[in-house]
Amino acid sequence: MSVQAELTHKHTGLKDLFYALVRGRAPLPETVPESARARADKQQQNLTRIRAERDDRAMLRTCGSTPEGTRRAYLPE
């Protein structure tokens, strides 16, 4: 028998104990509840939309025109 086979053969009880302990543990809970995940997704979408609106306003103030090409004299803050 090779050394590796001897070690594997000698310690099969430890392997069985390890797998028994793993099977006996309670499953891990979901890290984030689905409602919180949905709320976070909605907040991310809102943040993306608000940032895009902010960037559009900044562009309009800088170049003085709307994306359609018409000029605006004043853009309220």
N, C-alpha and C. Protein backbone atom coordinates (compact mmCIF):
# COMPACT_ATOMS: atom_id res chain seq x y z
N MET A 1 0.83 -1.17 0.00
CA MET A 1 0.00 0.00 0.00
C MET A 1 0.88 1.24 0.00
N SER A 2 0.53 2.24 -0.78
CA SER A 2 1.32 3.46 -0.83
C SER A 2 1.04 4.31 0.41
N VAL A 3 1.88 5.30 0.62
CA VAL A 3 1.72 6.17 1.78
C VAL A 3 0.39 6.92 1.71
N GLN A 4 0.05 7.41 0.51
CA GLN A 4 -1.20 8.14 0.35
C GLN A 4 -2.39 7.24 0.65
N ALA A 5 -2.36 6.03 0.15
CA ALA A 5 -3.45 5.09 0.40
C ALA A 5 -3.55 4.75 1.88
N GLU A 6 -2.42 4.64 2.56
CA GLU A 6 -2.43 4.34 3.99
C GLU A 6 -3.07 5.49 4.77
N LEU A 7 -2.69 6.74 4.41
CA LEU A 7 -3.27 7.89 5.12
C LEU A 7 -4.76 7.99 4.87
N THR A 8 -5.17 7.80 3.65
CA THR A 8 -6.59 7.86 3.32
C THR A 8 -7.34 6.76 4.05
N HIS A 9 -6.77 5.59 4.07
CA HIS A 9 -7.41 4.45 4.71
C HIS A 9 -7.50 4.65 6.23
N LYS A 10 -6.45 5.23 6.82
CA LYS A 10 -6.42 5.41 8.26
C LYS A 10 -7.40 6.48 8.74
N HIS A 11 -7.68 7.46 7.92
CA HIS A 11 -8.46 8.60 8.38
C HIS A 11 -9.86 8.65 7.78
N THR A 12 -10.39 7.54 7.36
CA THR A 12 -11.74 7.56 6.79
C THR A 12 -12.76 7.92 7.86
N GLY A 13 -12.50 7.61 9.11
CA GLY A 13 -13.41 7.98 10.19
C GLY A 13 -13.54 9.49 10.31
N LEU A 14 -12.44 10.21 10.14
CA LEU A 14 -12.48 11.67 10.18
C LEU A 14 -13.31 12.22 9.02
N LYS A 15 -13.14 11.62 7.85
CA LYS A 15 -13.91 12.06 6.70
C LYS A 15 -15.39 11.83 6.95
N ASP A 16 -15.75 10.68 7.47
CA ASP A 16 -17.15 10.37 7.77
C ASP A 16 -17.70 11.32 8.83
N LEU A 17 -16.89 11.61 9.85
CA LEU A 17 -17.31 12.55 10.89
C LEU A 17 -17.54 13.93 10.30
N PHE A 18 -16.64 14.38 9.44
CA PHE A 18 -16.77 15.69 8.82
C PHE A 18 -18.07 15.78 8.02
N TYR A 19 -18.34 14.80 7.17
CA TYR A 19 -19.55 14.84 6.36
C TYR A 19 -20.80 14.73 7.22
N ALA A 20 -20.75 13.97 8.31
CA ALA A 20 -21.90 13.88 9.21
C ALA A 20 -22.17 15.24 9.86
N LEU A 21 -21.10 15.93 10.27
CA LEU A 21 -21.28 17.25 10.86
C LEU A 21 -21.83 18.25 9.85
N VAL A 22 -21.35 18.18 8.62
CA VAL A 22 -21.84 19.09 7.58
C VAL A 22 -23.32 18.83 7.31
N ARG A 23 -23.71 17.57 7.21
CA ARG A 23 -25.12 17.24 6.97
C ARG A 23 -25.99 17.65 8.15
N GLY A 24 -25.44 17.61 9.37
CA GLY A 24 -26.21 17.93 10.55
C GLY A 24 -26.43 19.41 10.79
N ARG A 25 -25.65 20.24 10.13
CA ARG A 25 -25.80 21.68 10.30
C ARG A 25 -27.05 22.16 9.60
N ALA A 26 -27.65 23.19 10.18
CA ALA A 26 -28.82 23.81 9.54
C ALA A 26 -28.37 24.51 8.27
N PRO A 27 -29.19 24.51 7.25
CA PRO A 27 -28.80 25.22 6.02
C PRO A 27 -28.65 26.71 6.31
N LEU A 28 -27.77 27.35 5.57
CA LEU A 28 -27.56 28.78 5.75
C LEU A 28 -28.78 29.55 5.30
N PRO A 29 -29.20 30.56 6.05
CA PRO A 29 -30.35 31.36 5.61
C PRO A 29 -29.96 32.20 4.40
N GLU A 30 -30.97 32.60 3.66
CA GLU A 30 -30.72 33.48 2.52
C GLU A 30 -30.11 34.76 3.07
N THR A 31 -29.06 35.23 2.45
CA THR A 31 -28.34 36.37 2.98
C THR A 31 -29.20 37.64 3.00
N VAL A 32 -30.00 37.84 1.98
CA VAL A 32 -30.86 39.02 1.91
C VAL A 32 -32.27 38.55 1.57
N PRO A 33 -33.26 38.92 2.38
CA PRO A 33 -34.64 38.53 2.04
C PRO A 33 -35.05 39.11 0.68
N GLU A 34 -35.96 38.43 0.04
CA GLU A 34 -36.38 38.84 -1.31
C GLU A 34 -36.97 40.25 -1.31
N SER A 35 -37.72 40.61 -0.27
CA SER A 35 -38.31 41.95 -0.23
C SER A 35 -37.23 43.02 -0.16
N ALA A 36 -36.19 42.77 0.61
CA ALA A 36 -35.08 43.73 0.70
C ALA A 36 -34.33 43.81 -0.62
N ARG A 37 -34.19 42.67 -1.28
CA ARG A 37 -33.51 42.65 -2.58
C ARG A 37 -34.31 43.45 -3.61
N ALA A 38 -35.63 43.29 -3.61
CA ALA A 38 -36.47 44.03 -4.55
C ALA A 38 -36.41 45.53 -4.24
N ARG A 39 -36.42 45.89 -2.95
CA ARG A 39 -36.35 47.29 -2.57
C ARG A 39 -35.01 47.89 -3.01
N ALA A 40 -33.93 47.14 -2.83
CA ALA A 40 -32.60 47.62 -3.24
C ALA A 40 -32.53 47.80 -4.76
N ASP A 41 -33.14 46.88 -5.51
CA ASP A 41 -33.16 47.01 -6.97
C ASP A 41 -33.92 48.26 -7.39
N LYS A 42 -35.06 48.52 -6.74
CA LYS A 42 -35.86 49.71 -7.07
C LYS A 42 -35.08 50.97 -6.73
N GLN A 43 -34.41 50.99 -5.59
CA GLN A 43 -33.61 52.15 -5.22
C GLN A 43 -32.48 52.38 -6.22
N GLN A 44 -31.86 51.31 -6.69
CA GLN A 44 -30.79 51.44 -7.68
C GLN A 44 -31.32 52.01 -8.98
N GLN A 45 -32.49 51.57 -9.40
CA GLN A 45 -33.10 52.11 -10.62
C GLN A 45 -33.42 53.59 -10.45
N ASN A 46 -33.96 53.96 -9.28
CA ASN A 46 -34.26 55.37 -9.03
C ASN A 46 -32.99 56.20 -9.03
N LEU A 47 -31.94 55.71 -8.42
CA LEU A 47 -30.67 56.42 -8.38
C LEU A 47 -30.12 56.62 -9.78
N THR A 48 -30.20 55.60 -10.61
CA THR A 48 -29.72 55.70 -11.99
C THR A 48 -30.52 56.75 -12.75
N ARG A 49 -31.85 56.74 -12.56
CA ARG A 49 -32.72 57.71 -13.25
C ARG A 49 -32.42 59.13 -12.79
N ILE A 50 -32.27 59.33 -11.50
CA ILE A 50 -32.01 60.66 -10.96
C ILE A 50 -30.65 61.17 -11.42
N ARG A 51 -29.65 60.30 -11.45
CA ARG A 51 -28.33 60.72 -11.93
C ARG A 51 -28.39 61.13 -13.41
N ALA A 52 -29.16 60.38 -14.19
CA ALA A 52 -29.28 60.72 -15.62
C ALA A 52 -29.97 62.08 -15.78
N GLU A 53 -31.01 62.33 -14.99
CA GLU A 53 -31.68 63.63 -15.05
C GLU A 53 -30.73 64.75 -14.64
N ARG A 54 -29.95 64.52 -13.59
CA ARG A 54 -28.98 65.52 -13.14
C ARG A 54 -27.96 65.80 -14.23
N ASP A 55 -27.45 64.76 -14.86
CA ASP A 55 -26.45 64.94 -15.90
C ASP A 55 -27.03 65.66 -17.10
N ASP A 56 -28.30 65.37 -17.45
CA ASP A 56 -28.96 66.08 -18.55
C ASP A 56 -29.08 67.56 -18.24
N ARG A 57 -29.47 67.89 -17.00
CA ARG A 57 -29.60 69.30 -16.61
C ARG A 57 -28.25 70.00 -16.67
N ALA A 58 -27.21 69.31 -16.21
CA ALA A 58 -25.87 69.91 -16.24
C ALA A 58 -25.44 70.17 -17.68
N MET A 59 -25.75 69.25 -18.57
CA MET A 59 -25.40 69.42 -19.97
C MET A 59 -26.16 70.61 -20.55
N LEU A 60 -27.44 70.74 -20.19
CA LEU A 60 -28.24 71.85 -20.73
C LEU A 60 -27.70 73.19 -20.24
N ARG A 61 -27.30 73.26 -18.97
CA ARG A 61 -26.75 74.50 -18.44
C ARG A 61 -25.43 74.84 -19.12
N THR A 62 -24.65 73.84 -19.44
CA THR A 62 -23.33 74.05 -20.02
C THR A 62 -23.42 74.50 -21.48
N CYS A 63 -24.21 73.79 -22.28
CA CYS A 63 -24.24 74.10 -23.71
C CYS A 63 -25.43 74.96 -24.09
N GLY A 64 -26.41 75.14 -23.20
CA GLY A 64 -27.52 76.04 -23.48
C GLY A 64 -28.52 75.51 -24.48
N SER A 65 -28.51 74.22 -24.77
CA SER A 65 -29.49 73.69 -25.70
C SER A 65 -30.04 72.38 -25.16
N THR A 66 -31.21 72.05 -25.63
CA THR A 66 -31.82 70.79 -25.23
C THR A 66 -31.33 69.71 -26.16
N PRO A 67 -31.53 68.44 -25.80
CA PRO A 67 -31.10 67.36 -26.70
C PRO A 67 -31.75 67.42 -28.08
N GLU A 68 -32.93 68.08 -28.17
CA GLU A 68 -33.60 68.17 -29.47
C GLU A 68 -32.99 69.26 -30.34
N GLY A 69 -32.12 70.10 -29.75
CA GLY A 69 -31.44 71.11 -30.56
C GLY A 69 -32.00 72.50 -30.39
N THR A 70 -33.10 72.71 -29.66
CA THR A 70 -33.64 74.06 -29.46
C THR A 70 -32.90 74.71 -28.31
N ARG A 71 -32.73 76.02 -28.41
CA ARG A 71 -31.99 76.72 -27.37
C ARG A 71 -32.94 77.19 -26.28
N ARG A 72 -32.44 77.19 -25.04
CA ARG A 72 -33.18 77.70 -23.92
C ARG A 72 -32.41 78.86 -23.33
N ALA A 73 -33.13 79.93 -23.00
CA ALA A 73 -32.45 81.08 -22.40
C ALA A 73 -32.25 80.85 -20.92
N TYR A 74 -33.14 80.12 -20.28
CA TYR A 74 -33.05 79.95 -18.83
C TYR A 74 -33.54 78.57 -18.45
N LEU A 75 -32.79 77.93 -17.60
CA LEU A 75 -33.19 76.64 -17.08
C LEU A 75 -33.26 76.76 -15.57
N PRO A 76 -34.46 76.63 -14.98
CA PRO A 76 -34.58 76.79 -13.52
C PRO A 76 -33.78 75.72 -12.80
N GLU A 77 -33.25 76.09 -11.67
CA GLU A 77 -32.45 75.15 -10.85
C GLU A 77 -33.34 74.12 -10.22
